[in-house]
C-alpha cells in the first residue's frame, strides 16, 4: 500500500481496535488449525517433539487472543484526540487488504480475499 492511498492520520483508539480485530481473526484461524492438526497428531507416534509443537501452537493461539484483548483495552481508553500518522505505520505492510482494513477503508469481512500470490 502506498502512503498516498491512506488518510493522513487516524485515532489511536480506532487503529488499535482494527489491529485487535485482525489479531482476533488470526486467533480464530489458529484455533481451526489446531483442530485440523490434532487429527494429524493423533495418527503420529507420540513423542516429546510432538507435544512441544502442540503446546507451541496452543501458546501462539492464546497469545494472539491476549494481545487482541490488550489492544481492545487501549482502544477503549484512548482519547479521540490522540492520533498517529498512518503513512509510516502502513507503508511496510505488504498485504494490501490488511493495510486497507487497518486504515478503516475496507470492510472487516474481507479476510477471505487476503490470499495474495507471490
C-alpha atoms as a PDB file:
ATOM      1  CA  UNK A   1       0.000   0.000   0.000  1.00  0.00           C
ATOM      2  CA  UNK A   2       1.368   3.390  -0.917  1.00  0.00           C
ATOM      3  CA  UNK A   3       1.289   6.118   1.716  1.00  0.00           C
ATOM      4  CA  UNK A   4      -0.739   8.247  -0.727  1.00  0.00           C
ATOM      5  CA  UNK A   5      -3.544   5.644  -0.539  1.00  0.00           C
ATOM      6  CA  UNK A   6      -4.067   6.214   3.173  1.00  0.00           C
ATOM      7  CA  UNK A   7      -5.646   9.035   5.108  1.00  0.00           C
ATOM      8  CA  UNK A   8      -3.139  11.267   6.834  1.00  0.00           C
ATOM      9  CA  UNK A   9      -3.909  10.396  10.433  1.00  0.00           C
ATOM     10  CA  UNK A  10      -6.066   8.044  12.447  1.00  0.00           C
ATOM     11  CA  UNK A  11      -7.246   7.985  16.025  1.00  0.00           C
ATOM     12  CA  UNK A  12      -5.107   5.674  18.149  1.00  0.00           C
ATOM     13  CA  UNK A  13      -8.239   4.021  19.513  1.00  0.00           C
ATOM     14  CA  UNK A  14      -9.560   3.234  16.037  1.00  0.00           C
ATOM     15  CA  UNK A  15      -6.223   1.881  14.858  1.00  0.00           C
ATOM     16  CA  UNK A  16      -5.679  -0.304  17.908  1.00  0.00           C
ATOM     17  CA  UNK A  17      -9.256  -1.531  17.580  1.00  0.00           C
ATOM     18  CA  UNK A  18      -8.571  -2.564  13.976  1.00  0.00           C
ATOM     19  CA  UNK A  19      -5.329  -4.298  14.974  1.00  0.00           C
ATOM     20  CA  UNK A  20      -7.181  -6.099  17.792  1.00  0.00           C
ATOM     21  CA  UNK A  21      -9.802  -7.296  15.310  1.00  0.00           C
ATOM     22  CA  UNK A  22      -7.080  -8.628  12.990  1.00  0.00           C
ATOM     23  CA  UNK A  23      -5.418 -10.481  15.860  1.00  0.00           C
ATOM     24  CA  UNK A  24      -8.761 -11.972  16.866  1.00  0.00           C
ATOM     25  CA  UNK A  25      -9.297 -13.286  13.321  1.00  0.00           C
ATOM     26  CA  UNK A  26      -5.797 -14.792  13.334  1.00  0.00           C
ATOM     27  CA  UNK A  27      -6.510 -16.440  16.688  1.00  0.00           C
ATOM     28  CA  UNK A  28      -9.726 -17.918  15.297  1.00  0.00           C
ATOM     29  CA  UNK A  29      -7.842 -19.194  12.244  1.00  0.00           C
ATOM     30  CA  UNK A  30      -5.198 -20.689  14.509  1.00  0.00           C
ATOM     31  CA  UNK A  31      -7.843 -22.392  16.629  1.00  0.00           C
ATOM     32  CA  UNK A  32      -9.260 -24.008  13.487  1.00  0.00           C
ATOM     33  CA  UNK A  33      -5.745 -25.050  12.517  1.00  0.00           C
ATOM     34  CA  UNK A  34      -5.292 -26.646  15.947  1.00  0.00           C
ATOM     35  CA  UNK A  35      -8.403 -28.727  15.360  1.00  0.00           C
ATOM     36  CA  UNK A  36      -7.150 -29.848  11.967  1.00  0.00           C
ATOM     37  CA  UNK A  37      -3.663 -30.619  13.231  1.00  0.00           C
ATOM     38  CA  UNK A  38      -4.944 -32.514  16.243  1.00  0.00           C
ATOM     39  CA  UNK A  39      -6.404 -35.067  13.841  1.00  0.00           C
ATOM     40  CA  UNK A  40      -2.978 -35.416  12.225  1.00  0.00           C
ATOM     41  CA  UNK A  41      -1.186 -35.558  15.572  1.00  0.00           C
ATOM     42  CA  UNK A  42      -3.400 -38.428  16.719  1.00  0.00           C
ATOM     43  CA  UNK A  43      -2.087 -40.508  13.835  1.00  0.00           C
ATOM     44  CA  UNK A  44       1.542 -39.852  14.724  1.00  0.00           C
ATOM     45  CA  UNK A  45       3.721 -41.653  17.200  1.00  0.00           C
ATOM     46  CA  UNK A  46       3.599 -39.702  20.450  1.00  0.00           C
ATOM     47  CA  UNK A  47       6.870 -38.106  21.413  1.00  0.00           C
ATOM     48  CA  UNK A  48       8.321 -35.119  23.206  1.00  0.00           C
ATOM     49  CA  UNK A  49       8.753 -33.165  19.959  1.00  0.00           C
ATOM     50  CA  UNK A  50       5.092 -33.623  19.043  1.00  0.00           C
ATOM     51  CA  UNK A  51       3.953 -32.451  22.471  1.00  0.00           C
ATOM     52  CA  UNK A  52       6.233 -29.400  22.292  1.00  0.00           C
ATOM     53  CA  UNK A  53       4.865 -28.466  18.863  1.00  0.00           C
ATOM     54  CA  UNK A  54       1.253 -28.829  20.001  1.00  0.00           C
ATOM     55  CA  UNK A  55       1.963 -26.719  23.084  1.00  0.00           C
ATOM     56  CA  UNK A  56       3.675 -24.045  20.964  1.00  0.00           C
ATOM     57  CA  UNK A  57       0.643 -23.837  18.695  1.00  0.00           C
ATOM     58  CA  UNK A  58      -1.687 -23.518  21.677  1.00  0.00           C
ATOM     59  CA  UNK A  59       0.562 -20.864  23.237  1.00  0.00           C
ATOM     60  CA  UNK A  60       0.524 -18.873  19.979  1.00  0.00           C
ATOM     61  CA  UNK A  61      -3.281 -19.078  19.874  1.00  0.00           C
ATOM     62  CA  UNK A  62      -3.546 -17.876  23.473  1.00  0.00           C
ATOM     63  CA  UNK A  63      -1.040 -15.073  22.865  1.00  0.00           C
ATOM     64  CA  UNK A  64      -2.951 -13.778  19.849  1.00  0.00           C
ATOM     65  CA  UNK A  65      -6.143 -13.761  21.897  1.00  0.00           C
ATOM     66  CA  UNK A  66      -4.498 -11.930  24.786  1.00  0.00           C
ATOM     67  CA  UNK A  67      -2.805  -9.366  22.524  1.00  0.00           C
ATOM     68  CA  UNK A  68      -6.175  -8.705  20.926  1.00  0.00           C
ATOM     69  CA  UNK A  69      -7.702  -8.071  24.353  1.00  0.00           C
ATOM     70  CA  UNK A  70      -4.846  -5.772  25.356  1.00  0.00           C
ATOM     71  CA  UNK A  71      -5.297  -3.682  22.215  1.00  0.00           C
ATOM     72  CA  UNK A  72      -9.057  -3.583  22.754  1.00  0.00           C
ATOM     73  CA  UNK A  73      -8.247  -2.142  26.179  1.00  0.00           C
ATOM     74  CA  UNK A  74      -6.041   0.531  24.619  1.00  0.00           C
ATOM     75  CA  UNK A  75      -8.795   1.317  22.124  1.00  0.00           C
ATOM     76  CA  UNK A  76     -11.375   1.693  24.889  1.00  0.00           C
ATOM     77  CA  UNK A  77      -9.341   4.182  26.932  1.00  0.00           C
ATOM     78  CA  UNK A  78      -7.752   6.186  24.114  1.00  0.00           C
ATOM     79  CA  UNK A  79      -8.708   9.810  23.885  1.00  0.00           C
ATOM     80  CA  UNK A  80     -10.134  10.646  20.435  1.00  0.00           C
ATOM     81  CA  UNK A  81      -7.636  13.497  20.183  1.00  0.00           C
ATOM     82  CA  UNK A  82      -4.739  11.013  20.162  1.00  0.00           C
ATOM     83  CA  UNK A  83      -3.853  10.459  16.532  1.00  0.00           C
ATOM     84  CA  UNK A  84      -0.983   8.884  14.639  1.00  0.00           C
ATOM     85  CA  UNK A  85       0.167   9.319  11.022  1.00  0.00           C
ATOM     86  CA  UNK A  86      -0.797   6.238   9.026  1.00  0.00           C
ATOM     87  CA  UNK A  87       1.869   6.512   6.331  1.00  0.00           C
ATOM     88  CA  UNK A  88       4.816   5.225   8.393  1.00  0.00           C
ATOM     89  CA  UNK A  89       2.637   2.621  10.113  1.00  0.00           C
ATOM     90  CA  UNK A  90       1.083   1.097   6.999  1.00  0.00           C
ATOM     91  CA  UNK A  91       3.880   1.622   4.469  1.00  0.00           C
ATOM     92  CA  UNK A  92       5.831  -1.534   5.449  1.00  0.00           C
ATOM     93  CA  UNK A  93       2.692  -3.707   5.277  1.00  0.00           C
ATOM     94  CA  UNK A  94       2.783  -5.624   2.015  1.00  0.00           C
ATOM     95  CA  UNK A  95      -0.682  -7.200   2.276  1.00  0.00           C
ATOM     96  CA  UNK A  96      -2.859  -4.560   0.632  1.00  0.00           C
ATOM     97  CA  UNK A  97      -6.175  -5.851   2.019  1.00  0.00           C
ATOM     98  CA  UNK A  98      -4.751  -5.844   5.555  1.00  0.00           C
ATOM     99  CA  UNK A  99      -3.400  -2.311   5.192  1.00  0.00           C
ATOM    100  CA  UNK A 100      -6.755  -1.086   3.882  1.00  0.00           C
ATOM    101  CA  UNK A 101      -8.613  -2.732   6.777  1.00  0.00           C
ATOM    102  CA  UNK A 102      -6.238  -1.187   9.309  1.00  0.00           C
ATOM    103  CA  UNK A 103      -6.820   2.217   7.717  1.00  0.00           C
ATOM    104  CA  UNK A 104     -10.566   1.658   8.042  1.00  0.00           C
ATOM    105  CA  UNK A 105     -11.018   1.736   4.265  1.00  0.00           C
ATOM    106  CA  UNK A 106     -12.278  -1.821   3.710  1.00  0.00           C
ATOM    107  CA  UNK A 107     -14.981  -3.820   5.480  1.00  0.00           C
ATOM    108  CA  UNK A 108     -13.690  -6.237   8.114  1.00  0.00           C
ATOM    109  CA  UNK A 109     -15.211  -9.252   6.340  1.00  0.00           C
ATOM    110  CA  UNK A 110     -12.640  -9.124   3.516  1.00  0.00           C
ATOM    111  CA  UNK A 111     -10.277 -11.647   5.128  1.00  0.00           C
ATOM    112  CA  UNK A 112     -11.294 -14.301   2.627  1.00  0.00           C
ATOM    113  CA  UNK A 113      -9.622 -12.349  -0.172  1.00  0.00           C
ATOM    114  CA  UNK A 114      -6.286 -11.932   1.634  1.00  0.00           C
ATOM    115  CA  UNK A 115      -4.597 -14.699  -0.347  1.00  0.00           C
ATOM    116  CA  UNK A 116      -2.001 -12.983  -2.460  1.00  0.00           C
ATOM    117  CA  UNK A 117       0.025 -14.987  -4.936  1.00  0.00           C
ATOM    118  CA  UNK A 118       3.708 -14.147  -4.767  1.00  0.00           C
END
